[in-house]
Amino acid sequence: MQWDLAQPFTTRLTVGAEAIDHYQHVNNVEYLRYIEEVSWQHSNALGLTLDDYERLDRALVVIRHEIDYISPAFEGEELEVATWIVQYDQRFRVARRFQLMRVSDQKTLMRCMTRFACVSLASGKLRRLPAEFNAAYLPAVILDNQFKDAN
């Protein structure tokens, strides 16, 4: 696969009938599900699980998605989705990039940039990223020369 950045974390999936909308292709909402799934898989691989988030009273909540839908996907197709952590300020904010490709022809179907803020699960208020997050996520940051912080 020709990924946009080096060292992607990837997962494969096959498009099921439940993902298809009235236009007979994958519904846009499904792409968000793919993004969430690969994000959690990557976090788990880095050593942070939902149980850790709950124990630390923290959540990374989406504050912005920027999604480019390039080409549709269809039922039965095998897809691979990649993610990279491209910004990590060690205080409150994290950004990930995503790329979705069809395995059969290696065509990129979607690109996304998602920005997250760290909040308390209990209060929903902005809170500092815990040391455990820094230890797991900071070494995984991939430099992205095209990334510009739009905050």
C-alpha atoms as a PDB file:
ATOM      1  CA  MET A   1       0.000   0.000   0.000  1.00  0.00           C
ATOM      2  CA  GLN A   2       1.189   3.496  -0.811  1.00  0.00           C
ATOM      3  CA  TRP A   3       0.526   5.365   2.422  1.00  0.00           C
ATOM      4  CA  ASP A   4       0.790   9.155   2.713  1.00  0.00           C
ATOM      5  CA  LEU A   5       3.146   8.925   5.710  1.00  0.00           C
ATOM      6  CA  ALA A   6       5.649   6.406   7.006  1.00  0.00           C
ATOM      7  CA  GLN A   7       4.915   3.872   9.741  1.00  0.00           C
ATOM      8  CA  PRO A   8       1.109   3.695   9.598  1.00  0.00           C
ATOM      9  CA  PHE A   9      -0.930   1.744  12.083  1.00  0.00           C
ATOM     10  CA  THR A  10      -3.434  -0.140   9.933  1.00  0.00           C
ATOM     11  CA  THR A  11      -6.426  -2.406  10.151  1.00  0.00           C
ATOM     12  CA  ARG A  12      -8.388  -4.235   7.448  1.00  0.00           C
ATOM     13  CA  LEU A  13     -12.116  -4.618   7.152  1.00  0.00           C
ATOM     14  CA  THR A  14     -14.662  -5.927   4.704  1.00  0.00           C
ATOM     15  CA  VAL A  15     -17.640  -3.712   3.892  1.00  0.00           C
ATOM     16  CA  GLY A  16     -20.855  -5.331   5.112  1.00  0.00           C
ATOM     17  CA  ALA A  17     -24.391  -4.787   3.858  1.00  0.00           C
ATOM     18  CA  GLU A  18     -25.198  -2.667   6.939  1.00  0.00           C
ATOM     19  CA  ALA A  19     -22.707  -0.022   5.759  1.00  0.00           C
ATOM     20  CA  ILE A  20     -24.481   0.585   2.435  1.00  0.00           C
ATOM     21  CA  ASP A  21     -26.831   3.544   2.013  1.00  0.00           C
ATOM     22  CA  HIS A  22     -29.610   4.329  -0.464  1.00  0.00           C
ATOM     23  CA  TYR A  23     -26.986   5.367  -3.061  1.00  0.00           C
ATOM     24  CA  GLN A  24     -25.618   1.781  -2.920  1.00  0.00           C
ATOM     25  CA  HIS A  25     -22.215   2.749  -1.539  1.00  0.00           C
ATOM     26  CA  VAL A  26     -20.719   3.064   1.939  1.00  0.00           C
ATOM     27  CA  ASN A  27     -22.510   5.759   3.905  1.00  0.00           C
ATOM     28  CA  ASN A  28     -20.344   8.664   5.078  1.00  0.00           C
ATOM     29  CA  VAL A  29     -21.150   7.874   8.714  1.00  0.00           C
ATOM     30  CA  GLU A  30     -19.386   4.518   8.299  1.00  0.00           C
ATOM     31  CA  TYR A  31     -16.110   6.289   7.557  1.00  0.00           C
ATOM     32  CA  LEU A  32     -16.354   7.873  11.018  1.00  0.00           C
ATOM     33  CA  ARG A  33     -16.851   4.409  12.501  1.00  0.00           C
ATOM     34  CA  TYR A  34     -13.717   3.226  10.689  1.00  0.00           C
ATOM     35  CA  ILE A  35     -11.790   6.216  12.073  1.00  0.00           C
ATOM     36  CA  GLU A  36     -12.949   5.494  15.621  1.00  0.00           C
ATOM     37  CA  GLU A  37     -12.154   1.785  15.337  1.00  0.00           C
ATOM     38  CA  VAL A  38      -8.601   2.243  14.050  1.00  0.00           C
ATOM     39  CA  SER A  39      -7.965   4.952  16.661  1.00  0.00           C
ATOM     40  CA  TRP A  40      -8.913   2.592  19.499  1.00  0.00           C
ATOM     41  CA  GLN A  41      -6.947  -0.286  17.992  1.00  0.00           C
ATOM     42  CA  HIS A  42      -3.896   1.979  17.736  1.00  0.00           C
ATOM     43  CA  SER A  43      -4.318   3.212  21.312  1.00  0.00           C
ATOM     44  CA  ASN A  44      -4.655  -0.362  22.558  1.00  0.00           C
ATOM     45  CA  ALA A  45      -1.510  -1.356  20.644  1.00  0.00           C
ATOM     46  CA  LEU A  46       0.329   1.546  22.299  1.00  0.00           C
ATOM     47  CA  GLY A  47      -0.782   0.305  25.720  1.00  0.00           C
ATOM     48  CA  LEU A  48      -3.792   2.519  26.493  1.00  0.00           C
ATOM     49  CA  THR A  49      -7.222   0.924  26.729  1.00  0.00           C
ATOM     50  CA  LEU A  50     -10.664   2.259  27.543  1.00  0.00           C
ATOM     51  CA  ASP A  51     -10.129   0.934  31.080  1.00  0.00           C
ATOM     52  CA  ASP A  52      -7.033   3.165  31.365  1.00  0.00           C
ATOM     53  CA  TYR A  53      -8.995   6.183  30.152  1.00  0.00           C
ATOM     54  CA  GLU A  54     -11.684   5.495  32.761  1.00  0.00           C
ATOM     55  CA  ARG A  55      -9.145   4.915  35.557  1.00  0.00           C
ATOM     56  CA  LEU A  56      -7.427   8.212  34.697  1.00  0.00           C
ATOM     57  CA  ASP A  57     -10.757  10.083  34.309  1.00  0.00           C
ATOM     58  CA  ARG A  58      -9.800  11.264  30.845  1.00  0.00           C
ATOM     59  CA  ALA A  59     -11.188  11.193  27.310  1.00  0.00           C
ATOM     60  CA  LEU A  60      -9.904  12.443  23.994  1.00  0.00           C
ATOM     61  CA  VAL A  61     -12.947  14.071  22.428  1.00  0.00           C
ATOM     62  CA  VAL A  62     -13.192  15.123  18.814  1.00  0.00           C
ATOM     63  CA  ILE A  63     -13.172  18.877  18.332  1.00  0.00           C
ATOM     64  CA  ARG A  64     -12.811  18.828  14.541  1.00  0.00           C
ATOM     65  CA  HIS A  65     -12.963  16.357  11.655  1.00  0.00           C
ATOM     66  CA  GLU A  66     -11.738  17.395   8.206  1.00  0.00           C
ATOM     67  CA  ILE A  67     -12.708  14.622   5.802  1.00  0.00           C
ATOM     68  CA  ASP A  68     -12.036  14.387   2.090  1.00  0.00           C
ATOM     69  CA  TYR A  69     -14.260  11.750   0.493  1.00  0.00           C
ATOM     70  CA  ILE A  70     -12.365  10.873  -2.683  1.00  0.00           C
ATOM     71  CA  SER A  71     -14.107   7.801  -4.035  1.00  0.00           C
ATOM     72  CA  PRO A  72     -16.890   5.468  -2.863  1.00  0.00           C
ATOM     73  CA  ALA A  73     -16.542   2.000  -1.393  1.00  0.00           C
ATOM     74  CA  PHE A  74     -19.036  -0.806  -2.014  1.00  0.00           C
ATOM     75  CA  GLU A  75     -20.392  -3.894  -0.288  1.00  0.00           C
ATOM     76  CA  GLY A  76     -17.956  -6.769  -0.119  1.00  0.00           C
ATOM     77  CA  GLU A  77     -14.845  -4.692  -0.754  1.00  0.00           C
ATOM     78  CA  GLU A  78     -11.823  -5.165   1.462  1.00  0.00           C
ATOM     79  CA  LEU A  79     -10.537  -1.874   2.856  1.00  0.00           C
ATOM     80  CA  GLU A  80      -7.496  -0.899   4.877  1.00  0.00           C
ATOM     81  CA  VAL A  81      -7.504   2.142   7.112  1.00  0.00           C
ATOM     82  CA  ALA A  82      -4.346   3.757   8.462  1.00  0.00           C
ATOM     83  CA  THR A  83      -3.765   6.269  11.220  1.00  0.00           C
ATOM     84  CA  TRP A  84      -0.891   8.379  12.470  1.00  0.00           C
ATOM     85  CA  ILE A  85      -0.591  10.690  15.457  1.00  0.00           C
ATOM     86  CA  VAL A  86       0.729  13.869  13.830  1.00  0.00           C
ATOM     87  CA  GLN A  87       0.416  16.382  16.649  1.00  0.00           C
ATOM     88  CA  TYR A  88       0.759  15.907  20.375  1.00  0.00           C
ATOM     89  CA  ASP A  89       1.290  19.035  22.466  1.00  0.00           C
ATOM     90  CA  GLN A  90       1.772  17.166  25.803  1.00  0.00           C
ATOM     91  CA  ARG A  91      -0.825  19.448  27.380  1.00  0.00           C
ATOM     92  CA  PHE A  92      -4.358  19.271  25.944  1.00  0.00           C
ATOM     93  CA  ARG A  93      -4.414  18.510  22.213  1.00  0.00           C
ATOM     94  CA  VAL A  94      -3.806  15.576  19.911  1.00  0.00           C
ATOM     95  CA  ALA A  95      -4.240  15.286  16.142  1.00  0.00           C
ATOM     96  CA  ARG A  96      -4.455  12.195  13.980  1.00  0.00           C
ATOM     97  CA  ARG A  97      -4.414  11.690  10.244  1.00  0.00           C
ATOM     98  CA  PHE A  98      -6.251   8.867   8.529  1.00  0.00           C
ATOM     99  CA  GLN A  99      -6.175   7.325   5.077  1.00  0.00           C
ATOM    100  CA  LEU A 100      -8.616   4.714   3.774  1.00  0.00           C
ATOM    101  CA  MET A 101      -7.638   2.538   0.806  1.00  0.00           C
ATOM    102  CA  ARG A 102      -9.343  -0.193  -1.197  1.00  0.00           C
ATOM    103  CA  VAL A 103      -7.080  -3.251  -1.092  1.00  0.00           C
ATOM    104  CA  SER A 104      -7.860  -4.565  -4.609  1.00  0.00           C
ATOM    105  CA  ASP A 105      -6.555  -1.526  -6.509  1.00  0.00           C
ATOM    106  CA  GLN A 106      -4.816   0.379  -3.685  1.00  0.00           C
ATOM    107  CA  LYS A 107      -6.942   3.445  -4.433  1.00  0.00           C
ATOM    108  CA  THR A 108      -7.251   6.035  -1.669  1.00  0.00           C
ATOM    109  CA  LEU A 109     -10.933   6.534  -0.904  1.00  0.00           C
ATOM    110  CA  MET A 110     -10.763   8.971   2.010  1.00  0.00           C
ATOM    111  CA  ARG A 111      -8.329  11.176   3.909  1.00  0.00           C
ATOM    112  CA  CYS A 112      -9.068  12.757   7.248  1.00  0.00           C
ATOM    113  CA  MET A 113      -7.504  14.985   9.882  1.00  0.00           C
ATOM    114  CA  THR A 114      -9.074  14.809  13.327  1.00  0.00           C
ATOM    115  CA  ARG A 115      -8.235  17.050  16.254  1.00  0.00           C
ATOM    116  CA  PHE A 116      -8.936  15.973  19.823  1.00  0.00           C
ATOM    117  CA  ALA A 117      -8.975  17.715  23.195  1.00  0.00           C
ATOM    118  CA  CYS A 118      -8.354  15.998  26.519  1.00  0.00           C
ATOM    119  CA  VAL A 119     -11.233  16.307  28.984  1.00  0.00           C
ATOM    120  CA  SER A 120     -12.283  14.833  32.311  1.00  0.00           C
ATOM    121  CA  LEU A 121     -14.786  12.008  31.841  1.00  0.00           C
ATOM    122  CA  ALA A 122     -16.542  13.086  35.048  1.00  0.00           C
ATOM    123  CA  SER A 123     -16.944  16.792  34.266  1.00  0.00           C
ATOM    124  CA  GLY A 124     -16.376  17.122  30.516  1.00  0.00           C
ATOM    125  CA  LYS A 125     -13.979  19.991  31.250  1.00  0.00           C
ATOM    126  CA  LEU A 126     -10.625  20.455  29.593  1.00  0.00           C
ATOM    127  CA  ARG A 127      -7.869  18.669  31.521  1.00  0.00           C
ATOM    128  CA  ARG A 128      -4.164  18.086  30.969  1.00  0.00           C
ATOM    129  CA  LEU A 129      -3.042  14.947  29.219  1.00  0.00           C
ATOM    130  CA  PRO A 130      -1.929  12.508  31.943  1.00  0.00           C
ATOM    131  CA  ALA A 131       1.654  11.266  32.153  1.00  0.00           C
ATOM    132  CA  GLU A 132       0.484   7.797  31.022  1.00  0.00           C
ATOM    133  CA  PHE A 133      -0.871   9.302  27.794  1.00  0.00           C
ATOM    134  CA  ASN A 134       2.396  11.165  27.215  1.00  0.00           C
ATOM    135  CA  ALA A 135       4.421   7.978  27.746  1.00  0.00           C
ATOM    136  CA  ALA A 136       2.302   6.002  25.254  1.00  0.00           C
ATOM    137  CA  TYR A 137       1.449   8.567  22.574  1.00  0.00           C
ATOM    138  CA  LEU A 138       4.450  10.871  22.357  1.00  0.00           C
ATOM    139  CA  PRO A 139       6.855   8.197  20.995  1.00  0.00           C
ATOM    140  CA  ALA A 140       4.248   7.346  18.311  1.00  0.00           C
ATOM    141  CA  VAL A 141       4.089  10.851  16.812  1.00  0.00           C
ATOM    142  CA  ILE A 142       4.951  10.879  13.113  1.00  0.00           C
ATOM    143  CA  LEU A 143       6.223  14.113  11.608  1.00  0.00           C
ATOM    144  CA  ASP A 144       3.917  15.377   8.892  1.00  0.00           C
ATOM    145  CA  ASN A 145       5.460  18.143   6.800  1.00  0.00           C
ATOM    146  CA  GLN A 146       2.045  19.068   5.385  1.00  0.00           C
ATOM    147  CA  PHE A 147       0.443  19.429   8.821  1.00  0.00           C
ATOM    148  CA  LYS A 148      -0.409  22.979   9.761  1.00  0.00           C
ATOM    149  CA  ASP A 149      -2.099  23.677  13.077  1.00  0.00           C
ATOM    150  CA  ALA A 150      -5.315  25.503  12.220  1.00  0.00           C
ATOM    151  CA  ASN A 151      -6.203  26.393  15.813  1.00  0.00           C
END
